[in-house]
Protein backbone atom coordinates (compact mmCIF):
# COMPACT_ATOMS: atom_id res chain seq x y z
CA UNK A 1 56.66 100.97 94.77
CA UNK A 2 57.38 101.96 98.37
CA UNK A 3 60.06 98.68 98.72
CA UNK A 4 61.58 99.87 95.63
CA UNK A 5 62.15 103.31 96.71
CA UNK A 6 63.98 101.49 99.90
CA UNK A 7 65.57 99.10 98.18
CA UNK A 8 67.25 101.75 95.70
CA UNK A 9 68.07 104.02 98.70
CA UNK A 10 69.62 100.56 100.58
CA UNK A 11 71.50 100.20 97.38
CA UNK A 12 73.14 104.00 97.47
CA UNK A 13 74.02 103.42 101.10
CA UNK A 14 76.32 100.64 100.54
CA UNK A 15 77.70 102.25 97.42
CA UNK A 16 78.48 104.96 99.14
CA UNK A 17 79.98 103.26 102.07
CA UNK A 18 81.86 101.49 99.16
CA UNK A 19 83.32 104.31 98.05
CA UNK A 20 84.56 105.85 101.41
CA UNK A 21 86.26 102.67 101.98
CA UNK A 22 88.28 103.03 98.82
CA UNK A 23 90.54 105.81 100.40
CA UNK A 24 94.10 105.52 99.73
CA UNK A 25 96.40 107.17 102.21
CA UNK A 26 99.74 108.35 100.68
CA UNK A 27 102.63 110.01 102.91
CA UNK A 28 104.79 111.99 100.02
CA UNK A 29 107.01 115.19 99.88
CA UNK A 30 106.31 118.48 99.84
CA UNK A 31 108.14 119.09 96.29
CA UNK A 32 105.56 116.69 95.29
CA UNK A 33 103.04 118.95 96.46
CA UNK A 34 104.40 122.29 96.22
CA UNK A 35 105.65 121.53 92.25
CA UNK A 36 102.00 120.90 91.72
CA UNK A 37 102.32 117.41 90.38
CA UNK A 38 100.31 115.52 92.21
CA UNK A 39 97.35 117.61 91.16
CA UNK A 40 98.39 116.35 88.01
CA UNK A 41 98.15 112.99 88.68
CA UNK A 42 95.45 112.20 90.81
CA UNK A 43 92.49 113.07 89.32
CA UNK A 44 93.29 110.75 86.19
CA UNK A 45 94.06 108.04 88.42
CA UNK A 46 90.87 108.52 90.84
CA UNK A 47 88.81 109.01 87.55
CA UNK A 48 90.01 105.74 86.37
CA UNK A 49 90.13 103.64 89.66
CA UNK A 50 87.33 105.15 91.82
CA UNK A 51 89.86 105.23 94.67
CA UNK A 52 90.23 108.64 96.15
CA UNK A 53 93.91 109.57 97.58
CA UNK A 54 94.36 111.47 100.83
CA UNK A 55 97.50 113.63 100.69
CA UNK A 56 100.07 113.75 103.46
CA UNK A 57 102.63 115.71 102.24
CA UNK A 58 105.92 116.00 104.77
CA UNK A 59 109.26 115.78 104.18
CA UNK A 60 110.53 112.12 103.44
CA UNK A 61 111.97 111.45 106.93
CA UNK A 62 108.39 112.23 108.24
CA UNK A 63 106.87 110.45 105.34
CA UNK A 64 108.84 107.10 105.97
CA UNK A 65 108.07 107.30 109.57
CA UNK A 66 104.14 107.49 108.55
CA UNK A 67 104.43 104.64 106.34
CA UNK A 68 106.72 102.47 109.24
CA UNK A 69 103.99 103.40 111.85
CA UNK A 70 101.57 102.12 109.36
CA UNK A 71 99.55 105.09 109.41
CA UNK A 72 99.63 105.36 105.50
CA UNK A 73 99.18 102.86 102.84
CA UNK A 74 101.94 103.57 100.47
CA UNK A 75 104.93 106.13 100.22
CA UNK A 76 106.62 108.36 97.45
CA UNK A 77 110.05 109.88 98.84
CA UNK A 78 113.43 110.63 97.76
CA UNK A 79 115.88 109.87 99.72
CA UNK A 80 117.70 106.70 98.64
CA UNK A 81 119.49 106.25 101.90
CA UNK A 82 116.64 106.33 104.10
CA UNK A 83 114.31 104.39 101.42
CA UNK A 84 116.65 101.58 101.82
CA UNK A 85 116.93 101.59 105.17
CA UNK A 86 113.10 101.22 105.13
CA UNK A 87 112.64 98.40 102.93
CA UNK A 88 116.19 96.34 104.74
CA UNK A 89 113.81 96.72 108.34
CA UNK A 90 110.99 94.91 106.56
CA UNK A 91 108.76 98.21 106.82
CA UNK A 92 108.06 98.46 103.12
CA UNK A 93 107.67 95.99 99.92
CA UNK A 94 107.99 96.64 96.05
CA UNK A 95 110.16 99.64 95.88
CA UNK A 96 109.68 101.03 92.59
CA UNK A 97 111.82 103.78 90.94
CA UNK A 98 109.11 106.80 89.28
CA UNK A 99 110.96 109.61 88.54
CA UNK A 100 113.85 111.63 89.30
CA UNK A 101 115.12 115.86 88.91
CA UNK A 102 117.70 117.52 90.28
CA UNK A 103 118.42 119.69 93.20
CA UNK A 104 119.05 123.16 92.35
CA UNK A 105 120.97 125.93 94.49
CA UNK A 106 119.37 129.25 94.19
CA UNK A 107 119.51 132.74 95.76
CA UNK A 108 119.83 136.92 95.67
CA UNK A 109 120.90 137.97 91.87
CA UNK A 110 123.51 139.57 93.11
CA UNK A 111 124.83 136.37 94.19
CA UNK A 112 127.11 137.81 97.05
CA UNK A 113 128.82 134.30 97.97
CA UNK A 114 129.61 133.84 94.13
CA UNK A 115 127.99 130.59 93.84
CA UNK A 116 127.06 131.01 90.23
CA UNK A 117 131.10 130.28 89.46
CA UNK A 118 131.95 127.53 91.90
CA UNK A 119 133.02 124.56 90.41
CA UNK A 120 130.90 121.81 92.61
CA UNK A 121 128.06 122.36 94.64
CA UNK A 122 129.81 121.63 97.78
CA UNK A 123 132.66 124.26 96.88
CA UNK A 124 128.94 126.73 96.41
CA UNK A 125 127.54 126.00 100.02
CA UNK A 126 131.08 126.17 101.07
CA UNK A 127 131.55 129.70 99.48
CA UNK A 128 127.86 130.77 101.29
CA UNK A 129 129.42 129.85 104.94
CA UNK A 130 132.84 131.64 104.21
CA UNK A 131 130.73 134.82 103.19
CA UNK A 132 128.34 134.64 105.94
CA UNK A 133 125.67 134.86 103.54
CA UNK A 134 122.12 134.05 104.47
CA UNK A 135 121.25 130.49 103.70
CA UNK A 136 117.59 128.96 104.84
CA UNK A 137 117.58 125.66 105.28
CA UNK A 138 114.19 122.97 105.24
CA UNK A 139 115.85 121.76 108.82
CA UNK A 140 112.89 118.99 108.53
CA UNK A 141 114.73 115.69 108.03
CA UNK A 142 113.76 115.63 103.94
CA UNK A 143 115.41 114.37 101.29
CA UNK A 144 116.20 118.04 100.63
CA UNK A 145 117.37 118.66 103.65
CA UNK A 146 119.47 115.14 103.49
CA UNK A 147 120.80 116.30 100.65
CA UNK A 148 122.05 119.68 101.78
CA UNK A 149 124.14 118.73 104.79
CA UNK A 150 125.59 115.66 102.92
CA UNK A 151 126.97 118.83 100.82
CA UNK A 152 128.24 120.48 103.36
CA UNK A 153 129.64 117.75 104.83
CA UNK A 154 131.69 117.08 101.88
CA UNK A 155 132.72 120.47 101.97
CA UNK A 156 134.10 120.28 105.88
CA UNK A 157 131.96 122.43 106.93
CA UNK A 158 129.04 122.11 110.19
CA UNK A 159 126.61 124.86 109.19
CA UNK A 160 125.63 126.95 111.98
CA UNK A 161 125.48 130.62 113.02
CA UNK A 162 123.35 133.61 112.64
CA UNK A 163 123.60 132.98 108.53
CA UNK A 164 122.29 129.81 109.03
CA UNK A 165 118.56 129.43 109.34
CA UNK A 166 116.93 126.15 109.95
CA UNK A 167 113.33 126.65 109.07
CA UNK A 168 111.67 123.05 109.70
CA UNK A 169 109.30 123.97 106.83
CA UNK A 170 108.76 122.45 103.49
CA UNK A 171 109.96 123.27 99.87
CA UNK A 172 107.22 126.27 99.07
CA UNK A 173 107.63 128.17 102.33
CA UNK A 174 111.65 127.83 102.56
CA UNK A 175 111.72 129.48 98.71
CA UNK A 176 109.62 132.75 99.60
CA UNK A 177 111.60 133.17 103.38
CA UNK A 178 114.92 132.79 101.30
CA UNK A 179 113.32 135.57 98.77
CA UNK A 180 112.37 137.76 101.43
CA UNK A 181 115.57 137.65 103.18
CA UNK A 182 117.05 137.64 100.40
CA UNK A 183 119.20 134.74 101.03
CA UNK A 184 119.90 131.13 99.47
CA UNK A 185 118.61 127.67 99.60
CA UNK A 186 118.64 124.16 97.93
CA UNK A 187 115.60 123.58 96.18
CA UNK A 188 114.54 120.21 94.17
CA UNK A 189 113.87 121.30 90.47
CA UNK A 190 110.47 120.88 90.30
CA UNK A 191 109.39 123.10 92.91
CA UNK A 192 111.34 125.79 91.75
CA UNK A 193 109.98 125.95 88.27
CA UNK A 194 106.90 125.45 89.62
CA UNK A 195 107.27 128.79 92.14
CA UNK A 196 109.91 130.91 90.16
CA UNK A 197 107.82 133.36 89.17
CA UNK A 198 106.55 134.63 91.90
CA UNK A 199 110.09 134.73 93.19
CA UNK A 200 113.30 137.12 92.81
CA UNK A 201 115.45 134.32 93.33
CA UNK A 202 117.96 132.75 90.51
CA UNK A 203 119.12 129.79 89.96
CA UNK A 204 122.61 129.76 90.77
CA UNK A 205 124.35 126.33 90.53
CA UNK A 206 123.09 122.83 89.19
CA UNK A 207 123.93 120.32 87.11
CA UNK A 208 126.38 118.86 89.50
CA UNK A 209 126.21 114.72 89.17
CA UNK A 210 125.61 114.81 93.36
CA UNK A 211 122.14 117.12 92.93
CA UNK A 212 120.73 114.21 91.29
CA UNK A 213 117.30 113.28 92.89
CA UNK A 214 116.01 109.85 92.50
CA UNK A 215 111.88 109.22 93.49
CA UNK A 216 110.71 106.00 94.68
CA UNK A 217 107.13 104.73 95.65
CA UNK A 218 107.06 101.73 98.03
CA UNK A 219 104.03 99.67 99.68
CA UNK A 220 103.63 99.44 103.68
CA UNK A 221 104.46 95.73 104.53
CA UNK A 222 100.52 94.46 105.37
CA UNK A 223 102.43 91.81 106.93
CA UNK A 224 103.56 94.06 109.54
CA UNK A 225 100.41 96.40 109.45
CA UNK A 226 96.96 93.98 108.20
CA UNK A 227 95.19 97.07 108.22
CA UNK A 228 97.02 98.49 105.59
CA UNK A 229 95.00 98.64 102.24
CA UNK A 230 97.58 96.63 100.08
CA UNK A 231 95.45 96.46 97.08
CA UNK A 232 94.84 100.08 96.97
CA UNK A 233 98.49 100.70 97.22
CA UNK A 234 99.32 98.36 94.42
CA UNK A 235 96.80 99.50 91.97
CA UNK A 236 98.74 103.43 92.66
CA UNK A 237 101.83 102.11 92.33
CA UNK A 238 100.87 100.15 89.04
CA UNK A 239 99.84 103.48 87.90
CA UNK A 240 102.73 105.65 88.85
CA UNK A 241 105.08 103.22 87.09
CA UNK A 242 102.92 102.13 84.50
CA UNK A 243 102.12 104.13 81.02
CA UNK A 244 100.00 106.28 81.50
CA UNK A 245 101.41 107.12 84.72
CA UNK A 246 105.27 108.15 83.08
CA UNK A 247 103.49 109.77 80.49
CA UNK A 248 101.71 112.28 82.68
CA UNK A 249 104.65 112.95 84.80
CA UNK A 250 106.92 113.25 81.73
CA UNK A 251 104.03 115.79 80.04
CA UNK A 252 104.05 117.67 83.38
CA UNK A 253 105.39 121.18 82.67
CA UNK A 254 105.74 125.17 83.80
CA UNK A 255 106.68 127.42 80.79
CA UNK A 256 107.51 124.44 78.50
CA UNK A 257 110.05 123.15 81.10
CA UNK A 258 109.78 119.26 81.99
CA UNK A 259 109.52 119.21 85.83
CA UNK A 260 110.47 115.73 86.13
CA UNK A 261 111.54 112.67 83.81
CA UNK A 262 109.92 108.96 84.27
CA UNK A 263 112.01 106.37 85.58
CA UNK A 264 110.38 103.11 85.77
CA UNK A 265 111.44 101.68 82.30
CA UNK A 266 114.70 102.58 83.10
């Protein structure tokens, strides 16, 4: 009897160690975290596979840096140019489209810069600069920050001065800062939809093709970093881009409005 008890204890310990080993390290953007998408996806993935996901939510630039250093197993980002460089350098393997939404410009309901009537997104940010209206920037080399800088560049403006506030924060805190100011900011639509009910800001500009916002998932190259868990990364990528994951992404809504559109099958 005692031998049986010890055997059961040993099997339990082995099982627990195995479970602890099956932990996936994911670097991703704050938009996937702040929008609530990961809380929607991960319980199903973990229940199906037994793999636990440890999330590091930062800007896309920092997420890709973590992946480049081998500090995570897989990365989900939304900065196509930086992702292409990451793959070209051999830091990642198997880049796959997952989903997309778009960026929007939000600001005070009074809209002192006249953003709502601007013909393009670059014209909208130009009006903000010309009016000296407060603009809160992510300032963190995230995909959102990179897009914002591209819009100012297209407008021929180098953003600087008292009106331009670089937060160095994720999307959620930046929206809150813009709301408190009040001021303008560029946001991904997913986080905006998830948070708009708590804010006095209004969506003032959207729909410009320049505001398209695609997301891709990439595995860290196991040849460069042999310690990464390539099998777990592959399982996660298969889930995100497979039928179940894509259906969950497409079905994720706030107030009846979808936050992301699945793109793996395109």
